[in-house]
Amino acid sequence: MQRSLVIAVSALLLGAVTLWLIPAQAQQPTPPPSWKQGQPPSLADSSLAPIPQPPAPTPASEIPVNKIKLPPGFKAELWASGISNARTMTWGDKGTLFVGSRVAGNVYAVVDKGGSREVKTIAKGLNLPNGLAFRNGTLYIAEISRISKMEGIEDKLDSPPELLTVYDTLPKDLPHGWKYLAFGPDGKLYFNIGAPCNICMPPDTHANISRVNPDGTGFEYFAHGVRNSVGFDWHPVTRELYFATHGRDWLGDDSPSDRLDVAPKKGLHFGYPFCHQGDTLDPEFGKGRSCNDYVKPLLKTGPHVAGNGVMFYTGSMFPPEYKNRAFLAQRGSWNRAEKVGYRVMMVTLDGSGKVAKYEPFAQGWLQGQEIWGRPVYTQMMKDGSLLVSDDYAGAIYRVSYSR
């Protein structure tokens, strides 16, 4: 009996020592990347994967701006380059264009020198600082879990002021954690809190559009059931919030569609994770649900097109019919065998607010199945021309019109 006990104890000790000697990585398999979450077993060997960001911006001489196709009378030119992962854009009061990034972790200031633009990096090492907004001399920056501000930044571009915290109790989840940031007509700062997954039952703190006062007080949820919106704007006439929404992945090449939505009031639910594209119940989370219980999309913008920027045109350079049209910048697909998106679309609304037209405005970043750029956001210039940021090439294009 005693001999058996000694043998058993020795075996346990040997096993413990063996486990201790095995590297931790071998003991516990590396979890799959977050973008694989929700992938069915039948697609386990799929070669589809997010397109990696290039290690550096494309040199200006190698950016084929002439491949951007526009309606007659419009012209595209390279306005600024060398801006790693250029994404959201917002204007300062004194004419500085501030540009956010995501994976680069930088915030830039672009100063127009007339014939050329000078790019200054005013913040580095931030946590996916996608969202930017500007008001009364102050630049607001949204990272994953905090909103901060730089006061008087336009007078201090060469020696930027410290970041002051506005709000820092946002969720820390990286998946869909990057923010879009904008001031609404009510003077509040609006931003998204994406679902922390491809498809899951998110906590109440996620899958929404929220708002807060500029001093960080008064946090509240504005819209619910929004998987991931990284672009929105308010209609110039109705002042209603319009936003793009990314649909879930791994339901096939053609499903579900991404969306353009409108939220005329606070408290509406747009379906995630129960219903996709307004008419398709999720195979897991949609059981026992009805799509009729949630707000339908104003427009199905296409499967996996990755709609980011939403901007209503209020300038005077473009023809009169462009007034109050919405420009939708679509960064382009990865979860689709045949790529789609990589373009700027435009939406014309009729008098009742319904979609009268949905048509291309700028395309050509996708050549066959090869890409050279990814349009992400648009921003209007004072003269009515349109800037388009490209996070893949690290560039900003200017689109103008002449009769």
Protein backbone atom coordinates (compact mmCIF):
# COMPACT_ATOMS: atom_id res chain seq x y z
CA MET A 1 0.00 0.00 0.00
CA GLN A 2 2.81 2.40 1.00
CA ARG A 3 4.76 1.55 -2.18
CA SER A 4 1.69 2.30 -4.33
CA LEU A 5 1.22 5.63 -2.60
CA VAL A 6 4.88 6.56 -3.24
CA ILE A 7 4.51 5.65 -6.93
CA ALA A 8 1.34 7.74 -7.25
CA VAL A 9 2.88 10.77 -5.56
CA SER A 10 6.01 10.45 -7.72
CA ALA A 11 3.86 10.37 -10.84
CA LEU A 12 2.03 13.51 -9.79
CA LEU A 13 5.28 15.30 -9.05
CA LEU A 14 6.76 14.19 -12.36
CA GLY A 15 3.67 15.48 -14.17
CA ALA A 16 3.88 18.81 -12.37
CA VAL A 17 7.56 19.18 -13.24
CA THR A 18 6.85 18.24 -16.86
CA LEU A 19 4.10 20.89 -17.11
CA TRP A 20 6.44 23.42 -15.51
CA LEU A 21 9.11 22.64 -18.10
CA ILE A 22 6.71 22.96 -21.05
CA PRO A 23 6.67 26.54 -22.34
CA ALA A 24 3.47 28.44 -21.44
CA GLN A 25 2.69 28.89 -25.12
CA ALA A 26 2.64 25.10 -25.61
CA GLN A 27 0.45 24.58 -22.57
CA GLN A 28 -2.24 26.97 -23.74
CA PRO A 29 -2.96 27.37 -27.47
CA THR A 30 -2.94 30.92 -28.74
CA PRO A 31 -6.54 32.11 -29.08
CA PRO A 32 -7.67 32.97 -32.60
CA PRO A 33 -7.67 36.66 -33.60
CA SER A 34 -10.85 38.57 -32.83
CA TRP A 35 -11.82 38.87 -36.48
CA LYS A 36 -12.19 35.06 -36.66
CA GLN A 37 -14.84 35.10 -33.92
CA GLY A 38 -18.16 33.89 -35.31
CA GLN A 39 -16.49 31.97 -38.15
CA PRO A 40 -18.37 28.70 -38.73
CA PRO A 41 -16.41 25.41 -38.79
CA SER A 42 -17.17 25.05 -42.50
CA LEU A 43 -15.05 28.16 -43.15
CA ALA A 44 -12.21 27.32 -40.80
CA ASP A 45 -9.80 27.01 -43.74
CA SER A 46 -10.94 30.24 -45.40
CA SER A 47 -8.14 32.44 -46.70
CA LEU A 48 -10.20 35.60 -46.05
CA ALA A 49 -8.54 37.94 -43.55
CA PRO A 50 -8.36 41.67 -42.87
CA ILE A 51 -6.05 43.53 -45.23
CA PRO A 52 -2.95 44.64 -43.31
CA GLN A 53 -1.95 48.27 -43.15
CA PRO A 54 1.19 49.00 -45.22
CA PRO A 55 4.27 49.68 -43.07
CA ALA A 56 4.64 53.20 -44.48
CA PRO A 57 2.65 55.71 -46.56
CA THR A 58 2.92 55.44 -50.32
CA PRO A 59 5.38 57.98 -51.77
CA ALA A 60 3.58 60.82 -53.52
CA SER A 61 5.18 59.92 -56.86
CA GLU A 62 3.69 56.42 -56.67
CA ILE A 63 0.07 57.39 -55.91
CA PRO A 64 -1.99 56.92 -59.11
CA VAL A 65 -4.49 59.75 -58.57
CA ASN A 66 -5.41 59.59 -62.26
CA LYS A 67 -7.16 56.28 -61.58
CA ILE A 68 -9.83 57.97 -59.45
CA LYS A 69 -12.96 58.13 -61.60
CA LEU A 70 -15.48 60.95 -61.03
CA PRO A 71 -18.59 62.37 -62.73
CA PRO A 72 -18.02 64.80 -65.63
CA GLY A 73 -16.65 68.18 -64.55
CA PHE A 74 -14.96 66.85 -61.41
CA LYS A 75 -11.22 66.51 -60.89
CA ALA A 76 -9.14 64.71 -58.24
CA GLU A 77 -5.65 65.77 -57.18
CA LEU A 78 -3.24 64.74 -54.46
CA TRP A 79 -3.60 67.35 -51.70
CA ALA A 80 -1.35 65.87 -48.98
CA SER A 81 0.69 62.70 -48.56
CA GLY A 82 3.04 60.98 -46.12
CA ILE A 83 0.31 60.84 -43.43
CA SER A 84 0.53 57.34 -42.00
CA ASN A 85 -2.95 55.76 -41.73
CA ALA A 86 -4.80 59.05 -42.41
CA ARG A 87 -8.44 58.76 -41.34
CA THR A 88 -10.83 61.29 -39.74
CA MET A 89 -10.43 64.98 -40.58
CA THR A 90 -11.64 68.12 -38.84
CA TRP A 91 -10.91 71.79 -39.41
CA GLY A 92 -9.47 74.16 -36.84
CA ASP A 93 -10.78 77.72 -36.61
CA LYS A 94 -7.60 79.07 -38.22
CA GLY A 95 -7.51 76.72 -41.21
CA THR A 96 -5.49 73.82 -39.83
CA LEU A 97 -6.68 70.39 -40.91
CA PHE A 98 -6.38 67.89 -38.07
CA VAL A 99 -6.15 64.23 -39.07
CA GLY A 100 -6.59 61.18 -36.85
CA SER A 101 -5.30 57.66 -37.38
CA ARG A 102 -6.05 54.24 -36.05
CA VAL A 103 -3.17 51.73 -36.07
CA ALA A 104 -0.54 54.49 -36.43
CA GLY A 105 -1.55 55.95 -33.06
CA ASN A 106 -0.84 59.50 -34.25
CA VAL A 107 -2.72 62.77 -34.61
CA TYR A 108 -1.54 65.14 -37.34
CA ALA A 109 -1.91 68.80 -38.22
CA VAL A 110 -1.82 69.70 -41.92
CA VAL A 111 -0.94 73.32 -42.65
CA ASP A 112 -1.78 74.64 -46.11
CA LYS A 113 1.16 76.57 -47.53
CA GLY A 114 -0.65 77.46 -50.75
CA GLY A 115 1.15 75.31 -53.29
CA SER A 116 2.03 72.63 -50.75
CA ARG A 117 0.98 71.22 -47.39
CA GLU A 118 3.14 70.74 -44.31
CA VAL A 119 2.32 67.78 -42.07
CA LYS A 120 3.12 67.98 -38.36
CA THR A 121 2.65 65.11 -35.90
CA ILE A 122 1.12 66.66 -32.77
CA ALA A 123 0.50 63.46 -30.78
CA LYS A 124 2.11 60.01 -30.84
CA GLY A 125 1.60 56.66 -29.17
CA LEU A 126 -2.12 57.06 -28.56
CA ASN A 127 -4.54 54.14 -28.36
CA LEU A 128 -6.25 54.09 -31.79
CA PRO A 129 -7.03 57.85 -31.92
CA ASN A 130 -9.51 57.66 -34.78
CA GLY A 131 -11.99 60.29 -33.61
CA LEU A 132 -11.39 64.05 -33.79
CA ALA A 133 -13.62 67.08 -33.27
CA PHE A 134 -12.82 70.79 -32.95
CA ARG A 135 -14.63 73.67 -31.26
CA ASN A 136 -13.68 77.06 -29.81
CA GLY A 137 -9.94 76.62 -30.25
CA THR A 138 -9.87 73.14 -28.72
CA LEU A 139 -9.17 69.82 -30.42
CA TYR A 140 -10.98 66.80 -28.93
CA ILE A 141 -9.45 63.35 -29.46
CA ALA A 142 -11.23 60.02 -28.94
CA GLU A 143 -9.16 56.93 -28.18
CA ILE A 144 -10.39 53.48 -27.15
CA SER A 145 -11.35 54.31 -23.57
CA ARG A 146 -11.01 58.05 -23.21
CA ILE A 147 -11.77 61.41 -24.75
CA SER A 148 -9.18 64.13 -24.20
CA LYS A 149 -8.54 67.62 -25.51
CA MET A 150 -5.76 69.98 -26.58
CA GLU A 151 -6.59 73.60 -25.80
CA GLY A 152 -5.27 76.39 -28.03
CA ILE A 153 -3.60 73.84 -30.29
CA GLU A 154 -3.51 75.95 -33.47
CA ASP A 155 -1.13 78.41 -31.81
CA LYS A 156 1.09 75.59 -30.50
CA LEU A 157 1.54 73.18 -33.41
CA ASP A 158 5.32 73.01 -32.93
CA SER A 159 5.01 72.55 -29.17
CA PRO A 160 1.63 70.89 -28.61
CA PRO A 161 -0.05 71.32 -25.23
CA GLU A 162 -0.64 68.38 -22.92
CA LEU A 163 -3.69 66.19 -23.35
CA LEU A 164 -6.36 67.02 -20.79
CA THR A 165 -8.87 64.32 -19.93
CA VAL A 166 -12.52 64.96 -20.75
CA TYR A 167 -13.95 61.49 -20.14
CA ASP A 168 -11.95 58.35 -19.34
CA THR A 169 -14.33 55.60 -18.21
CA LEU A 170 -15.19 54.15 -21.61
CA PRO A 171 -14.81 50.39 -22.25
CA LYS A 172 -11.28 49.20 -23.00
CA ASP A 173 -12.18 46.48 -25.55
CA LEU A 174 -10.06 46.73 -28.71
CA PRO A 175 -12.45 45.01 -31.18
CA HIS A 176 -14.58 47.82 -32.65
CA GLY A 177 -13.26 50.07 -29.92
CA TRP A 178 -12.02 52.91 -32.14
CA LYS A 179 -14.27 55.95 -32.09
CA TYR A 180 -15.77 58.50 -34.40
CA LEU A 181 -16.28 61.85 -32.70
CA ALA A 182 -18.41 64.84 -33.70
CA PHE A 183 -20.32 67.73 -32.20
CA GLY A 184 -24.07 67.46 -32.66
CA PRO A 185 -26.50 70.37 -33.20
CA ASP A 186 -27.17 70.23 -29.44
CA GLY A 187 -23.52 71.06 -28.67
CA LYS A 188 -22.82 67.60 -27.26
CA LEU A 189 -20.00 65.28 -28.30
CA TYR A 190 -21.29 62.13 -30.01
CA PHE A 191 -19.28 58.94 -30.38
CA ASN A 192 -19.74 55.21 -30.96
CA ILE A 193 -19.03 52.32 -28.62
CA GLY A 194 -18.83 49.28 -30.90
CA ALA A 195 -19.67 45.67 -30.11
CA PRO A 196 -16.59 43.96 -28.58
CA CYS A 197 -16.88 41.10 -31.07
CA ASN A 198 -17.99 40.13 -34.54
CA ILE A 199 -21.23 38.63 -33.24
CA CYS A 200 -22.16 38.20 -29.56
CA MET A 201 -24.65 39.39 -26.98
CA PRO A 202 -22.97 42.68 -26.06
CA PRO A 203 -23.28 44.23 -22.62
CA ASP A 204 -25.51 47.30 -22.38
CA THR A 205 -22.37 49.43 -22.43
CA HIS A 206 -21.59 48.42 -26.03
CA ALA A 207 -23.11 48.46 -29.54
CA ASN A 208 -24.42 52.00 -29.30
CA ILE A 209 -23.93 55.65 -30.17
CA SER A 210 -23.48 57.79 -27.07
CA ARG A 211 -23.03 61.43 -26.20
CA VAL A 212 -21.48 63.57 -23.47
CA ASN A 213 -21.16 67.28 -22.73
CA PRO A 214 -17.86 68.88 -23.81
CA ASP A 215 -16.78 69.05 -20.16
CA GLY A 216 -17.30 65.30 -19.71
CA THR A 217 -20.59 65.49 -17.80
CA GLY A 218 -24.01 64.17 -18.80
CA PHE A 219 -23.03 60.87 -20.43
CA GLU A 220 -25.98 59.06 -22.01
CA TYR A 221 -26.74 56.44 -24.65
CA PHE A 222 -28.43 57.82 -27.76
CA ALA A 223 -28.93 54.80 -30.06
CA HIS A 224 -28.83 51.07 -29.28
CA GLY A 225 -28.26 47.88 -31.31
CA VAL A 226 -25.57 49.52 -33.47
CA ARG A 227 -22.82 46.96 -34.13
CA ASN A 228 -20.13 49.37 -35.24
CA SER A 229 -20.61 52.87 -36.60
CA VAL A 230 -17.50 54.88 -37.29
CA GLY A 231 -19.10 57.71 -39.23
CA PHE A 232 -22.14 59.95 -38.87
CA ASP A 233 -23.49 63.42 -39.65
CA TRP A 234 -26.61 65.48 -39.11
CA HIS A 235 -28.94 66.48 -41.96
CA PRO A 236 -28.51 70.20 -42.65
CA VAL A 237 -32.28 70.80 -42.67
CA THR A 238 -33.91 68.23 -40.36
CA ARG A 239 -30.90 68.05 -37.96
CA GLU A 240 -31.49 64.29 -37.66
CA LEU A 241 -28.56 61.93 -37.10
CA TYR A 242 -27.52 59.74 -40.04
CA PHE A 243 -24.91 57.04 -39.51
CA ALA A 244 -23.17 54.18 -41.32
CA THR A 245 -23.13 50.73 -39.71
CA HIS A 246 -20.86 47.76 -40.42
CA GLY A 247 -22.69 44.42 -40.63
CA ARG A 248 -21.33 41.22 -39.08
CA ASP A 249 -18.88 38.89 -40.83
CA TRP A 250 -18.94 35.18 -41.72
CA LEU A 251 -22.51 34.89 -43.01
CA GLY A 252 -21.40 34.66 -46.63
CA ASP A 253 -20.23 36.86 -49.46
CA ASP A 254 -23.56 38.59 -49.93
CA SER A 255 -24.99 38.77 -46.43
CA PRO A 256 -25.54 40.78 -44.44
CA SER A 257 -25.49 44.21 -46.03
CA ASP A 258 -23.93 47.19 -44.32
CA ARG A 259 -26.38 49.99 -43.57
CA LEU A 260 -27.13 53.69 -43.64
CA ASP A 261 -29.43 54.56 -40.76
CA VAL A 262 -31.24 57.61 -39.42
CA ALA A 263 -32.04 58.24 -35.76
CA PRO A 264 -34.60 61.07 -35.46
CA LYS A 265 -34.75 60.68 -31.69
CA LYS A 266 -33.00 59.13 -28.72
CA GLY A 267 -33.58 55.54 -27.57
CA LEU A 268 -34.16 53.63 -30.83
CA HIS A 269 -32.80 50.07 -31.29
CA PHE A 270 -31.28 49.12 -34.66
CA GLY A 271 -31.28 45.36 -34.30
CA TYR A 272 -27.81 44.08 -33.39
CA PRO A 273 -27.17 41.25 -32.54
CA PHE A 274 -30.67 39.89 -33.21
CA CYS A 275 -31.43 41.14 -36.72
CA HIS A 276 -29.10 42.08 -39.57
CA GLN A 277 -29.80 44.44 -42.50
CA GLY A 278 -33.36 44.90 -41.20
CA ASP A 279 -34.72 41.60 -42.49
CA THR A 280 -32.33 38.76 -41.58
CA LEU A 281 -32.42 37.12 -38.15
CA ASP A 282 -29.08 36.04 -36.75
CA PRO A 283 -28.81 32.21 -36.82
CA GLU A 284 -27.93 32.17 -33.10
CA PHE A 285 -29.11 35.37 -31.46
CA GLY A 286 -32.17 35.88 -33.63
CA LYS A 287 -34.02 32.83 -32.37
CA GLY A 288 -37.45 33.79 -31.07
CA ARG A 289 -37.04 37.38 -32.32
CA SER A 290 -38.67 39.41 -35.07
CA CYS A 291 -36.90 41.95 -37.28
CA ASN A 292 -40.05 44.04 -37.09
CA ASP A 293 -39.16 44.91 -33.50
CA TYR A 294 -36.17 46.99 -34.62
CA VAL A 295 -35.53 50.02 -36.80
CA LYS A 296 -35.08 49.15 -40.47
CA PRO A 297 -32.10 50.62 -42.35
CA LEU A 298 -32.73 53.67 -44.44
CA LEU A 299 -30.53 52.02 -47.07
CA LYS A 300 -28.73 48.72 -47.55
CA THR A 301 -25.35 49.96 -48.74
CA GLY A 302 -23.93 46.57 -49.78
CA PRO A 303 -22.39 43.49 -48.15
CA HIS A 304 -19.06 44.08 -46.37
CA VAL A 305 -18.45 47.45 -48.06
CA ALA A 306 -17.25 48.88 -44.71
CA GLY A 307 -18.97 52.25 -44.82
CA ASN A 308 -17.09 54.77 -42.69
CA GLY A 309 -17.52 58.44 -43.46
CA VAL A 310 -20.95 60.08 -43.72
CA MET A 311 -21.04 63.75 -44.72
CA PHE A 312 -23.81 65.98 -46.05
CA TYR A 313 -22.61 68.41 -48.70
CA THR A 314 -23.46 72.04 -47.91
CA GLY A 315 -20.98 73.82 -50.17
CA SER A 316 -21.52 75.88 -53.31
CA MET A 317 -18.77 74.65 -55.67
CA PHE A 318 -20.57 71.52 -56.83
CA PRO A 319 -23.69 71.67 -59.03
CA PRO A 320 -26.95 72.67 -57.23
CA GLU A 321 -28.28 69.11 -57.18
CA TYR A 322 -25.41 68.13 -54.85
CA LYS A 323 -26.71 70.36 -52.07
CA ASN A 324 -27.64 68.23 -49.02
CA ARG A 325 -26.53 64.99 -50.68
CA ALA A 326 -24.71 62.58 -48.39
CA PHE A 327 -21.27 61.29 -49.29
CA LEU A 328 -20.53 57.80 -47.97
CA ALA A 329 -16.87 56.74 -47.93
CA GLN A 330 -16.58 52.95 -48.10
CA ARG A 331 -13.23 51.58 -47.02
CA GLY A 332 -13.84 48.24 -48.72
CA SER A 333 -14.35 44.58 -47.94
CA TRP A 334 -12.16 41.81 -46.60
CA ASN A 335 -14.80 39.22 -45.65
CA ARG A 336 -15.79 38.58 -49.25
CA ALA A 337 -14.24 36.43 -51.98
CA GLU A 338 -14.66 39.22 -54.56
CA LYS A 339 -13.75 42.62 -53.17
CA VAL A 340 -16.34 45.39 -53.08
CA GLY A 341 -16.37 48.98 -51.85
CA TYR A 342 -13.16 51.06 -52.01
CA ARG A 343 -15.18 54.03 -53.25
CA VAL A 344 -17.16 57.10 -52.26
CA MET A 345 -20.89 56.74 -52.86
CA MET A 346 -23.55 59.42 -52.71
CA VAL A 347 -27.12 59.32 -51.47
CA THR A 348 -29.88 61.66 -52.63
CA LEU A 349 -32.91 61.93 -50.36
CA ASP A 350 -36.37 62.95 -51.56
CA GLY A 351 -38.71 65.39 -49.83
CA SER A 352 -39.97 62.73 -47.45
CA GLY A 353 -36.48 61.64 -46.40
CA LYS A 354 -36.46 58.42 -48.42
CA VAL A 355 -33.55 57.41 -50.63
CA ALA A 356 -34.13 58.59 -54.20
CA LYS A 357 -30.67 57.71 -55.55
CA TYR A 358 -27.67 55.70 -54.41
CA GLU A 359 -24.82 56.00 -56.89
CA PRO A 360 -21.02 56.14 -57.16
CA PHE A 361 -19.22 59.45 -56.85
CA ALA A 362 -15.54 58.49 -56.70
CA GLN A 363 -14.11 55.06 -57.47
CA GLY A 364 -10.95 53.49 -58.86
CA TRP A 365 -9.01 52.59 -55.69
CA LEU A 366 -9.95 49.00 -56.54
CA GLN A 367 -8.47 47.80 -59.83
CA GLY A 368 -9.83 44.35 -60.62
CA GLN A 369 -9.13 42.64 -57.32
CA GLU A 370 -6.06 44.72 -56.46
CA ILE A 371 -6.25 47.79 -54.26
CA TRP A 372 -3.94 50.79 -54.08
CA GLY A 373 -5.95 52.85 -51.60
CA ARG A 374 -8.90 52.84 -49.19
CA PRO A 375 -11.08 55.99 -48.97
CA VAL A 376 -12.20 56.37 -45.36
CA TYR A 377 -13.65 59.84 -44.68
CA THR A 378 -14.60 63.02 -46.50
CA GLN A 379 -14.38 66.63 -45.35
CA MET A 380 -15.51 69.78 -47.13
CA MET A 381 -13.15 72.70 -47.71
CA LYS A 382 -14.20 76.33 -47.37
CA ASP A 383 -14.36 76.73 -51.15
CA GLY A 384 -16.78 73.79 -51.43
CA SER A 385 -14.28 71.26 -52.73
CA LEU A 386 -14.09 67.85 -51.06
CA LEU A 387 -11.20 66.20 -49.26
CA VAL A 388 -11.01 62.39 -49.15
CA SER A 389 -8.68 60.61 -46.73
CA ASP A 390 -7.01 57.32 -47.66
CA ASP A 391 -5.64 55.34 -44.71
CA TYR A 392 -3.98 52.72 -46.93
CA ALA A 393 -1.86 55.10 -49.04
CA GLY A 394 -1.55 57.64 -46.23
CA ALA A 395 -2.87 60.45 -48.40
CA ILE A 396 -5.59 63.07 -48.77
CA TYR A 397 -7.13 63.91 -52.15
CA ARG A 398 -8.97 67.07 -53.13
CA VAL A 399 -11.97 66.77 -55.45
CA SER A 400 -13.03 69.99 -57.20
CA TYR A 401 -15.56 70.94 -59.87
CA SER A 402 -15.46 73.42 -62.71
CA ARG A 403 -18.14 74.08 -65.30
